[in-house]
């Protein structure tokens, strides 16, 4: 089982979650490439694009939506 989980939002977007269920980003199909888009939340609960605990992995590219591969690429166990 991978550390991150992917939940389909629509055919071109998956919501990405940590093992504890925390939302940390999206995996979006952009052309022929899937890119991880990190998100975080501020103190008021507003979304911060490119922020959060996986901000260093923002724009990580994958060939397919694969939670195990994304977990490995982002160093999430």
C-alpha atoms as a PDB file:
ATOM      1  CA  UNK A   1       0.000   0.000   0.000  1.00  0.00           C
ATOM      2  CA  UNK A   2       1.303   3.468  -0.857  1.00  0.00           C
ATOM      3  CA  UNK A   3       1.650   6.244   1.667  1.00  0.00           C
ATOM      4  CA  UNK A   4      -0.313   8.760  -0.396  1.00  0.00           C
ATOM      5  CA  UNK A   5      -3.798   8.065  -1.658  1.00  0.00           C
ATOM      6  CA  UNK A   6      -5.477   9.392  -4.776  1.00  0.00           C
ATOM      7  CA  UNK A   7      -9.184  10.141  -4.925  1.00  0.00           C
ATOM      8  CA  UNK A   8     -10.704  10.845  -8.351  1.00  0.00           C
ATOM      9  CA  UNK A   9     -12.256  14.292  -8.716  1.00  0.00           C
ATOM     10  CA  UNK A  10     -12.844  14.097 -12.471  1.00  0.00           C
ATOM     11  CA  UNK A  11     -11.071  12.352 -15.388  1.00  0.00           C
ATOM     12  CA  UNK A  12      -8.209  14.873 -15.287  1.00  0.00           C
ATOM     13  CA  UNK A  13      -7.806  15.483 -11.548  1.00  0.00           C
ATOM     14  CA  UNK A  14      -7.125  13.409  -8.438  1.00  0.00           C
ATOM     15  CA  UNK A  15      -7.094  14.733  -4.898  1.00  0.00           C
ATOM     16  CA  UNK A  16      -3.923  13.666  -3.042  1.00  0.00           C
ATOM     17  CA  UNK A  17      -4.049  12.744   0.653  1.00  0.00           C
ATOM     18  CA  UNK A  18      -1.542  11.761   3.325  1.00  0.00           C
ATOM     19  CA  UNK A  19      -2.038   8.501   5.264  1.00  0.00           C
ATOM     20  CA  UNK A  20      -3.844  10.458   7.994  1.00  0.00           C
ATOM     21  CA  UNK A  21      -6.302  11.794   5.410  1.00  0.00           C
ATOM     22  CA  UNK A  22      -4.862  15.307   5.215  1.00  0.00           C
ATOM     23  CA  UNK A  23      -5.339  16.887   1.804  1.00  0.00           C
ATOM     24  CA  UNK A  24      -1.924  17.889   0.421  1.00  0.00           C
ATOM     25  CA  UNK A  25      -2.567  18.527  -3.247  1.00  0.00           C
ATOM     26  CA  UNK A  26      -3.899  17.458  -6.581  1.00  0.00           C
ATOM     27  CA  UNK A  27      -2.595  15.338  -9.397  1.00  0.00           C
ATOM     28  CA  UNK A  28      -3.689  17.055 -12.598  1.00  0.00           C
ATOM     29  CA  UNK A  29      -3.421  15.925 -16.195  1.00  0.00           C
ATOM     30  CA  UNK A  30      -1.807  18.715 -18.167  1.00  0.00           C
ATOM     31  CA  UNK A  31      -1.543  17.636 -21.774  1.00  0.00           C
ATOM     32  CA  UNK A  32      -0.036  14.151 -21.718  1.00  0.00           C
ATOM     33  CA  UNK A  33       1.633  14.587 -18.308  1.00  0.00           C
ATOM     34  CA  UNK A  34       0.258  14.253 -14.788  1.00  0.00           C
ATOM     35  CA  UNK A  35       1.611  16.931 -12.431  1.00  0.00           C
ATOM     36  CA  UNK A  36       1.406  17.114  -8.674  1.00  0.00           C
ATOM     37  CA  UNK A  37       0.097  20.451  -7.461  1.00  0.00           C
ATOM     38  CA  UNK A  38       0.850  20.943  -3.772  1.00  0.00           C
ATOM     39  CA  UNK A  39      -1.602  22.760  -1.538  1.00  0.00           C
ATOM     40  CA  UNK A  40      -1.569  23.878   2.034  1.00  0.00           C
ATOM     41  CA  UNK A  41      -3.935  25.744   4.286  1.00  0.00           C
ATOM     42  CA  UNK A  42      -3.443  28.968   6.213  1.00  0.00           C
ATOM     43  CA  UNK A  43      -4.561  29.616   9.791  1.00  0.00           C
ATOM     44  CA  UNK A  44      -8.009  30.648   8.550  1.00  0.00           C
ATOM     45  CA  UNK A  45      -8.391  27.412   6.599  1.00  0.00           C
ATOM     46  CA  UNK A  46      -7.954  29.051   3.212  1.00  0.00           C
ATOM     47  CA  UNK A  47      -6.136  27.038   0.571  1.00  0.00           C
ATOM     48  CA  UNK A  48      -2.565  28.049  -0.261  1.00  0.00           C
ATOM     49  CA  UNK A  49      -1.658  26.884  -3.787  1.00  0.00           C
ATOM     50  CA  UNK A  50       1.863  25.483  -3.945  1.00  0.00           C
ATOM     51  CA  UNK A  51       2.060  25.340  -0.149  1.00  0.00           C
ATOM     52  CA  UNK A  52       1.780  22.693   2.496  1.00  0.00           C
ATOM     53  CA  UNK A  53       4.051  19.885   3.606  1.00  0.00           C
ATOM     54  CA  UNK A  54       4.848  18.723   0.061  1.00  0.00           C
ATOM     55  CA  UNK A  55       5.593  22.147  -1.407  1.00  0.00           C
ATOM     56  CA  UNK A  56       9.053  21.015  -2.542  1.00  0.00           C
ATOM     57  CA  UNK A  57       7.364  18.456  -4.770  1.00  0.00           C
ATOM     58  CA  UNK A  58       5.082  20.974  -6.488  1.00  0.00           C
ATOM     59  CA  UNK A  59       4.999  20.258 -10.247  1.00  0.00           C
ATOM     60  CA  UNK A  60       6.450  16.747  -9.926  1.00  0.00           C
ATOM     61  CA  UNK A  61       5.528  14.993 -13.164  1.00  0.00           C
ATOM     62  CA  UNK A  62       4.303  11.423 -13.641  1.00  0.00           C
ATOM     63  CA  UNK A  63       3.288   9.464 -16.723  1.00  0.00           C
ATOM     64  CA  UNK A  64       0.167   8.062 -15.046  1.00  0.00           C
ATOM     65  CA  UNK A  65      -1.782   8.677 -11.838  1.00  0.00           C
ATOM     66  CA  UNK A  66       0.064   6.265  -9.543  1.00  0.00           C
ATOM     67  CA  UNK A  67      -0.068   6.757  -5.769  1.00  0.00           C
ATOM     68  CA  UNK A  68       2.930   4.507  -5.085  1.00  0.00           C
ATOM     69  CA  UNK A  69       5.095   6.280  -7.661  1.00  0.00           C
ATOM     70  CA  UNK A  70       4.028   9.691  -6.388  1.00  0.00           C
ATOM     71  CA  UNK A  71       4.752   8.665  -2.793  1.00  0.00           C
ATOM     72  CA  UNK A  72       8.233   7.535  -3.814  1.00  0.00           C
ATOM     73  CA  UNK A  73       8.957  10.667  -5.843  1.00  0.00           C
ATOM     74  CA  UNK A  74       7.824  12.915  -2.985  1.00  0.00           C
ATOM     75  CA  UNK A  75       9.563  10.872  -0.290  1.00  0.00           C
ATOM     76  CA  UNK A  76       6.372  10.053   1.595  1.00  0.00           C
ATOM     77  CA  UNK A  77       6.339   6.772   3.494  1.00  0.00           C
END
